[in-house]
Amino acid sequence: MTHPKNSSKIHEFGCASGFPIEKAILKSEKSYLGIDLSLDQINLARKEFPQWKEYFLCTEMLSFCKKEPSNNYSGIISMFLIRHLPRIYHVELFTNIYRILTDLGVLLIDFSPNSDEGRDPWFKDLPMYWSSFSKDWMYLSLKELGFTLIDEYEDIKMFNKKDEKTLFLLYQKIL
């Protein structure tokens, strides 16, 4: 079985093992490409979806975007990943995302609304890097790049014994 190809190409940064977003998109009529920096996660996705294993690539998101042709994707999704890219690269990443999105293409992202940067022990006490700009910076920067905010949702969950806010934003590229 091959994955259907059409003009609706969806790209996901941080696709991990194939859940939950990939599962829904791969079963739709959209063309999907998922990337993740972790080869272990890519291998899990390829094992879970063997008929679509060529649609999962192990690569870094900013490098990938720089190589992609302009106006190539109708949608880009990135959940819980951009926060692990150093802030000095955020504008460059969003500029490239804007470039590779088609006119009226959409961007679904999440971020922490607090401006912060650091490292914490994580899985097996390995350090996990995280960064974010303020909510105002994010809104202004994406607007200046040409994105229009379509919708937003704020979620609050308990994480490491404290409430953690996450904003989910849906943007559209409008020329």
Protein backbone atom coordinates (compact mmCIF):
# COMPACT_ATOMS: atom_id res chain seq x y z
CA MET A 1 0.00 0.00 0.00
CA THR A 2 1.35 3.42 -0.86
CA HIS A 3 0.33 6.66 0.76
CA PRO A 4 -1.90 8.84 -1.43
CA LYS A 5 -0.30 11.93 -2.92
CA ASN A 6 -2.19 15.14 -3.49
CA SER A 7 -1.71 18.86 -3.16
CA SER A 8 -2.33 18.84 0.61
CA LYS A 9 1.12 18.10 2.00
CA ILE A 10 1.47 18.06 5.79
CA HIS A 11 4.85 18.16 7.49
CA GLU A 12 5.42 17.44 11.18
CA PHE A 13 8.43 18.41 13.24
CA GLY A 14 8.99 16.05 16.14
CA CYS A 15 6.82 13.24 14.83
CA ALA A 16 8.20 10.81 17.45
CA SER A 17 6.71 7.31 17.29
CA GLY A 18 3.65 8.06 15.20
CA PHE A 19 1.00 9.09 17.71
CA PRO A 20 -1.40 10.76 17.76
CA ILE A 21 -1.06 13.15 14.84
CA GLU A 22 0.59 10.87 12.31
CA LYS A 23 -2.01 8.17 12.75
CA ALA A 24 -4.83 10.56 11.85
CA ILE A 25 -3.03 12.19 8.92
CA LEU A 26 -1.68 8.99 7.42
CA LYS A 27 -5.20 7.56 7.32
CA SER A 28 -6.54 10.69 5.60
CA GLU A 29 -6.13 11.79 2.01
CA LYS A 30 -3.20 14.07 2.89
CA SER A 31 0.41 13.55 1.96
CA TYR A 32 2.47 13.41 5.17
CA LEU A 33 6.14 13.70 6.07
CA GLY A 34 7.27 13.36 9.68
CA ILE A 35 10.74 14.16 10.95
CA ASP A 36 12.36 13.66 14.31
CA LEU A 37 15.90 14.05 15.59
CA SER A 38 15.69 10.73 17.43
CA LEU A 39 16.44 7.69 15.29
CA ASP A 40 14.85 5.52 18.01
CA GLN A 41 11.56 7.42 17.62
CA ILE A 42 11.71 7.25 13.81
CA ASN A 43 12.30 3.49 13.99
CA LEU A 44 9.27 3.13 16.30
CA ALA A 45 7.12 5.10 13.82
CA ARG A 46 8.37 2.98 10.92
CA LYS A 47 7.56 -0.17 12.88
CA GLU A 48 4.07 1.08 13.79
CA PHE A 49 3.32 2.20 10.22
CA PRO A 50 5.37 -0.14 7.99
CA GLN A 51 3.33 0.68 4.89
CA TRP A 52 4.39 4.36 5.26
CA LYS A 53 7.92 3.91 6.63
CA GLU A 54 9.45 6.11 3.89
CA TYR A 55 7.42 9.05 5.24
CA PHE A 56 9.47 9.23 8.45
CA LEU A 57 12.92 10.83 8.36
CA CYS A 58 15.58 11.31 11.01
CA THR A 59 16.78 14.89 10.65
CA GLU A 60 16.88 18.26 12.40
CA MET A 61 13.98 20.65 11.67
CA LEU A 62 15.86 23.88 10.89
CA SER A 63 18.33 22.17 8.55
CA PHE A 64 15.45 20.39 6.86
CA CYS A 65 13.49 23.63 6.33
CA LYS A 66 16.47 25.42 4.82
CA LYS A 67 16.74 22.72 2.12
CA GLU A 68 13.03 22.55 1.26
CA PRO A 69 11.66 24.37 -1.80
CA SER A 70 9.39 27.36 -1.24
CA ASN A 71 5.60 26.93 -1.22
CA ASN A 72 5.87 23.19 -0.68
CA TYR A 73 3.59 22.40 2.31
CA SER A 74 -0.04 23.22 3.00
CA GLY A 75 0.40 22.53 6.71
CA ILE A 76 3.13 22.28 9.32
CA ILE A 77 2.64 20.86 12.79
CA SER A 78 5.12 21.06 15.65
CA MET A 79 4.08 19.95 19.11
CA PHE A 80 6.46 20.19 22.06
CA LEU A 81 9.57 20.57 19.90
CA ILE A 82 10.36 24.18 19.04
CA ARG A 83 10.93 24.85 22.73
CA HIS A 84 14.01 22.61 22.51
CA LEU A 85 15.63 24.75 19.82
CA PRO A 86 17.76 27.61 21.21
CA ARG A 87 15.90 30.92 21.03
CA ILE A 88 18.53 32.48 18.79
CA TYR A 89 17.21 30.20 15.99
CA HIS A 90 13.47 30.75 16.46
CA VAL A 91 13.12 33.65 13.98
CA GLU A 92 15.19 31.79 11.39
CA LEU A 93 13.02 28.70 11.83
CA PHE A 94 9.73 30.62 11.55
CA THR A 95 11.04 32.56 8.53
CA ASN A 96 11.82 29.27 6.78
CA ILE A 97 8.47 27.78 7.81
CA TYR A 98 6.73 30.77 6.27
CA ARG A 99 8.76 30.33 3.08
CA ILE A 100 7.98 26.62 2.65
CA LEU A 101 4.26 26.98 3.39
CA THR A 102 1.92 27.47 0.45
CA ASP A 103 -0.32 30.53 0.31
CA LEU A 104 -3.07 30.01 2.91
CA GLY A 105 -0.97 27.21 4.46
CA VAL A 106 -1.42 26.64 8.19
CA LEU A 107 1.00 26.31 11.08
CA LEU A 108 0.01 24.56 14.33
CA ILE A 109 2.51 25.04 17.16
CA ASP A 110 2.71 25.05 20.91
CA PHE A 111 4.91 27.03 23.26
CA SER A 112 5.30 28.03 26.87
CA PRO A 113 3.99 31.59 27.37
CA ASN A 114 6.86 32.46 29.72
CA SER A 115 10.15 33.83 28.45
CA ASP A 116 12.75 31.44 29.78
CA GLU A 117 15.74 29.33 28.86
CA GLY A 118 17.69 26.57 30.57
CA ARG A 119 18.56 22.92 31.06
CA ASP A 120 17.07 20.38 33.44
CA PRO A 121 17.81 16.71 34.15
CA TRP A 122 15.43 14.62 32.11
CA PHE A 123 15.29 11.02 30.96
CA LYS A 124 18.02 8.97 32.69
CA ASP A 125 19.27 12.31 34.11
CA LEU A 126 20.37 13.50 30.67
CA PRO A 127 20.01 17.27 30.30
CA MET A 128 17.02 18.57 28.37
CA TYR A 129 17.40 22.01 26.84
CA TRP A 130 14.33 24.26 26.63
CA SER A 131 13.67 27.86 25.66
CA SER A 132 10.83 30.21 24.87
CA PHE A 133 10.10 33.84 24.32
CA SER A 134 7.18 35.65 25.90
CA LYS A 135 3.66 35.36 24.58
CA ASP A 136 3.82 38.95 23.30
CA TRP A 137 7.10 38.29 21.47
CA MET A 138 5.65 35.20 19.80
CA TYR A 139 2.51 36.97 18.63
CA LEU A 140 4.38 40.03 17.35
CA SER A 141 7.18 38.07 15.64
CA LEU A 142 4.85 35.70 13.78
CA LYS A 143 2.64 38.63 12.74
CA GLU A 144 5.68 40.53 11.41
CA LEU A 145 6.72 37.45 9.41
CA GLY A 146 3.30 37.45 7.72
CA PHE A 147 1.32 34.91 9.74
CA THR A 148 -2.28 35.58 10.80
CA LEU A 149 -3.49 34.07 14.07
CA ILE A 150 -6.56 31.91 13.41
CA ASP A 151 -7.12 30.37 16.84
CA GLU A 152 -5.46 29.73 20.17
CA TYR A 153 -5.97 27.49 23.16
CA GLU A 154 -4.33 27.59 26.60
CA ASP A 155 -3.84 24.37 28.53
CA ILE A 156 -2.69 24.05 32.14
CA LYS A 157 -1.32 20.72 33.37
CA MET A 158 0.55 19.64 36.48
CA PHE A 159 4.18 18.90 35.56
CA ASN A 160 7.01 18.30 38.06
CA LYS A 161 4.65 19.26 40.90
CA LYS A 162 3.76 22.66 39.44
CA ASP A 163 1.20 24.03 37.01
CA GLU A 164 2.62 24.43 33.52
CA LYS A 165 0.87 26.50 30.87
CA THR A 166 1.06 25.60 27.21
CA LEU A 167 -0.37 27.70 24.40
CA PHE A 168 -1.50 26.03 21.20
CA LEU A 169 -1.61 28.41 18.25
CA LEU A 170 -3.03 27.98 14.79
CA TYR A 171 -1.65 30.42 12.21
CA GLN A 172 -2.20 30.89 8.51
CA LYS A 173 0.13 32.26 5.85
CA ILE A 174 -1.68 35.10 4.15
CA LEU A 175 0.11 37.17 1.53
